[in-house]
Amino acid sequence: VLVRGNLVAGFSETGIHTETVGGCTIECNVVHDIGLGRMSDMGGLLASYSTPGAILRHNVVYKVTAFNYGDDGMYSDEGSAHTLWDGNVVWSCLLYTSPSPRDS
């Protein structure tokens, strides 16, 4: 799966989520105005569960706003491992959660 060159904006949930798709590439996307203060535990870019071989690179993420917690620009959630995060730019988010040190 390749997700490239998209503008994702104005959503109350996560911008781009790898879910359980291992080996996917998420690159050169712009994600902004996500969450809108309506949802918690989400991010502009979210890798979760079993996503071995996922690549998230050269994306721009800004203005992620959660309802209560978890307004991350880049979010490596439970079970996420063997994921490459490279050259992403994040600003205007309450938190920047670096990828999990566990084999990410």
C-alpha atoms as a PDB file:
ATOM      1  CA  VAL A   1       0.000   0.000   0.000  1.00  0.00           C
ATOM      2  CA  LEU A   2       1.321   3.445  -0.955  1.00  0.00           C
ATOM      3  CA  VAL A   3      -0.192   6.662   0.404  1.00  0.00           C
ATOM      4  CA  ARG A   4       1.586   9.603  -1.240  1.00  0.00           C
ATOM      5  CA  GLY A   5       0.966  13.277  -1.942  1.00  0.00           C
ATOM      6  CA  ASN A   6      -2.309  13.771  -0.095  1.00  0.00           C
ATOM      7  CA  LEU A   7      -3.721  16.700   1.842  1.00  0.00           C
ATOM      8  CA  VAL A   8      -5.569  15.433   4.921  1.00  0.00           C
ATOM      9  CA  ALA A   9      -7.239  18.217   6.918  1.00  0.00           C
ATOM     10  CA  GLY A  10     -10.251  19.145   8.993  1.00  0.00           C
ATOM     11  CA  PHE A  11     -11.030  15.759  10.535  1.00  0.00           C
ATOM     12  CA  SER A  12     -11.929  15.000  14.150  1.00  0.00           C
ATOM     13  CA  GLU A  13      -9.951  11.722  14.110  1.00  0.00           C
ATOM     14  CA  THR A  14      -6.422  10.539  13.216  1.00  0.00           C
ATOM     15  CA  GLY A  15      -4.978  11.865   9.973  1.00  0.00           C
ATOM     16  CA  ILE A  16      -3.293   8.754   8.501  1.00  0.00           C
ATOM     17  CA  HIS A  17      -3.269   5.422  10.352  1.00  0.00           C
ATOM     18  CA  THR A  18      -1.305   2.335   9.281  1.00  0.00           C
ATOM     19  CA  GLU A  19      -3.701   0.021  11.192  1.00  0.00           C
ATOM     20  CA  THR A  20      -2.588  -3.554  10.487  1.00  0.00           C
ATOM     21  CA  VAL A  21      -1.099  -3.006   7.047  1.00  0.00           C
ATOM     22  CA  GLY A  22       2.532  -4.072   7.268  1.00  0.00           C
ATOM     23  CA  GLY A  23       4.913  -3.010   4.540  1.00  0.00           C
ATOM     24  CA  CYS A  24       2.969   0.146   3.675  1.00  0.00           C
ATOM     25  CA  THR A  25       4.636   3.433   2.721  1.00  0.00           C
ATOM     26  CA  ILE A  26       3.164   6.750   3.877  1.00  0.00           C
ATOM     27  CA  GLU A  27       5.124   9.602   2.284  1.00  0.00           C
ATOM     28  CA  CYS A  28       5.002  13.216   1.133  1.00  0.00           C
ATOM     29  CA  ASN A  29       1.612  13.975   2.705  1.00  0.00           C
ATOM     30  CA  VAL A  30       0.440  17.118   4.506  1.00  0.00           C
ATOM     31  CA  VAL A  31      -1.776  16.502   7.554  1.00  0.00           C
ATOM     32  CA  HIS A  32      -3.216  19.419   9.540  1.00  0.00           C
ATOM     33  CA  ASP A  33      -6.144  20.570  11.658  1.00  0.00           C
ATOM     34  CA  ILE A  34      -6.759  17.049  12.967  1.00  0.00           C
ATOM     35  CA  GLY A  35      -8.697  16.163  16.135  1.00  0.00           C
ATOM     36  CA  LEU A  36     -10.413  19.544  16.337  1.00  0.00           C
ATOM     37  CA  GLY A  37     -10.650  19.107  20.124  1.00  0.00           C
ATOM     38  CA  ARG A  38     -13.288  16.376  19.736  1.00  0.00           C
ATOM     39  CA  MET A  39     -11.329  13.121  20.194  1.00  0.00           C
ATOM     40  CA  SER A  40      -8.475  11.861  22.398  1.00  0.00           C
ATOM     41  CA  ASP A  41      -5.666   9.338  21.805  1.00  0.00           C
ATOM     42  CA  MET A  42      -4.922  10.052  18.155  1.00  0.00           C
ATOM     43  CA  GLY A  43      -2.292  11.673  15.986  1.00  0.00           C
ATOM     44  CA  GLY A  44      -1.489  13.188  12.643  1.00  0.00           C
ATOM     45  CA  LEU A  45       0.419  10.023  11.696  1.00  0.00           C
ATOM     46  CA  LEU A  46      -0.356   6.871  13.673  1.00  0.00           C
ATOM     47  CA  ALA A  47       1.348   3.486  13.433  1.00  0.00           C
ATOM     48  CA  SER A  48      -0.223   0.775  15.553  1.00  0.00           C
ATOM     49  CA  TYR A  49      -0.667  -2.926  16.067  1.00  0.00           C
ATOM     50  CA  SER A  50       1.445  -5.156  13.882  1.00  0.00           C
ATOM     51  CA  THR A  51       2.887  -2.937  11.161  1.00  0.00           C
ATOM     52  CA  PRO A  52       6.252  -4.531  10.339  1.00  0.00           C
ATOM     53  CA  GLY A  53       8.021  -2.847   7.473  1.00  0.00           C
ATOM     54  CA  ALA A  54       5.857   0.278   7.492  1.00  0.00           C
ATOM     55  CA  ILE A  55       7.646   3.415   6.286  1.00  0.00           C
ATOM     56  CA  LEU A  56       6.437   6.894   7.256  1.00  0.00           C
ATOM     57  CA  ARG A  57       8.666   9.504   5.636  1.00  0.00           C
ATOM     58  CA  HIS A  58       8.768  13.089   4.399  1.00  0.00           C
ATOM     59  CA  ASN A  59       5.339  14.023   5.757  1.00  0.00           C
ATOM     60  CA  VAL A  60       4.329  17.377   7.270  1.00  0.00           C
ATOM     61  CA  VAL A  61       1.996  17.400  10.298  1.00  0.00           C
ATOM     62  CA  TYR A  62       0.678  20.427  12.207  1.00  0.00           C
ATOM     63  CA  LYS A  63      -2.244  21.627  14.318  1.00  0.00           C
ATOM     64  CA  VAL A  64      -3.261  18.356  15.986  1.00  0.00           C
ATOM     65  CA  THR A  65      -5.664  19.102  18.860  1.00  0.00           C
ATOM     66  CA  ALA A  66      -7.180  16.417  21.101  1.00  0.00           C
ATOM     67  CA  PHE A  67     -10.175  16.651  23.414  1.00  0.00           C
ATOM     68  CA  ASN A  68      -8.261  15.533  26.504  1.00  0.00           C
ATOM     69  CA  TYR A  69      -4.984  13.740  25.730  1.00  0.00           C
ATOM     70  CA  GLY A  70      -2.991  12.210  22.903  1.00  0.00           C
ATOM     71  CA  ASP A  71      -2.722  15.036  20.402  1.00  0.00           C
ATOM     72  CA  ASP A  72       0.515  13.814  18.887  1.00  0.00           C
ATOM     73  CA  GLY A  73       2.043  14.765  15.596  1.00  0.00           C
ATOM     74  CA  MET A  74       3.542  11.285  15.176  1.00  0.00           C
ATOM     75  CA  TYR A  75       2.262   8.456  17.336  1.00  0.00           C
ATOM     76  CA  SER A  76       3.684   4.936  17.597  1.00  0.00           C
ATOM     77  CA  ASP A  77       0.979   3.018  19.455  1.00  0.00           C
ATOM     78  CA  GLU A  78       0.895  -0.414  21.094  1.00  0.00           C
ATOM     79  CA  GLY A  79       2.298  -3.302  19.124  1.00  0.00           C
ATOM     80  CA  SER A  80       3.982  -1.075  16.588  1.00  0.00           C
ATOM     81  CA  ALA A  81       7.458  -2.355  15.796  1.00  0.00           C
ATOM     82  CA  HIS A  82       9.941  -2.454  12.919  1.00  0.00           C
ATOM     83  CA  THR A  83       8.580   0.827  11.539  1.00  0.00           C
ATOM     84  CA  LEU A  84      10.785   3.432   9.842  1.00  0.00           C
ATOM     85  CA  TRP A  85      10.062   7.090  10.640  1.00  0.00           C
ATOM     86  CA  ASP A  86      12.247   9.368   8.523  1.00  0.00           C
ATOM     87  CA  GLY A  87      12.336  13.056   7.608  1.00  0.00           C
ATOM     88  CA  ASN A  88       8.897  13.998   8.934  1.00  0.00           C
ATOM     89  CA  VAL A  89       8.241  17.587  10.069  1.00  0.00           C
ATOM     90  CA  VAL A  90       5.868  18.253  12.992  1.00  0.00           C
ATOM     91  CA  TRP A  91       4.771  21.513  14.654  1.00  0.00           C
ATOM     92  CA  SER A  92       1.852  23.066  16.554  1.00  0.00           C
ATOM     93  CA  CYS A  93       0.986  19.825  18.347  1.00  0.00           C
ATOM     94  CA  LEU A  94       0.795  19.559  22.116  1.00  0.00           C
ATOM     95  CA  LEU A  95       2.954  16.454  22.052  1.00  0.00           C
ATOM     96  CA  TYR A  96       5.477  14.889  19.738  1.00  0.00           C
ATOM     97  CA  THR A  97       5.682  11.226  20.666  1.00  0.00           C
ATOM     98  CA  SER A  98       8.819   9.735  19.269  1.00  0.00           C
ATOM     99  CA  PRO A  99       8.549   6.238  17.884  1.00  0.00           C
ATOM    100  CA  SER A 100       8.827   3.494  20.456  1.00  0.00           C
ATOM    101  CA  PRO A 101      12.456   2.590  21.206  1.00  0.00           C
ATOM    102  CA  ARG A 102      11.448  -1.054  20.859  1.00  0.00           C
ATOM    103  CA  ASP A 103      12.699  -1.866  17.359  1.00  0.00           C
ATOM    104  CA  SER A 104      10.970   1.073  15.660  1.00  0.00           C
END
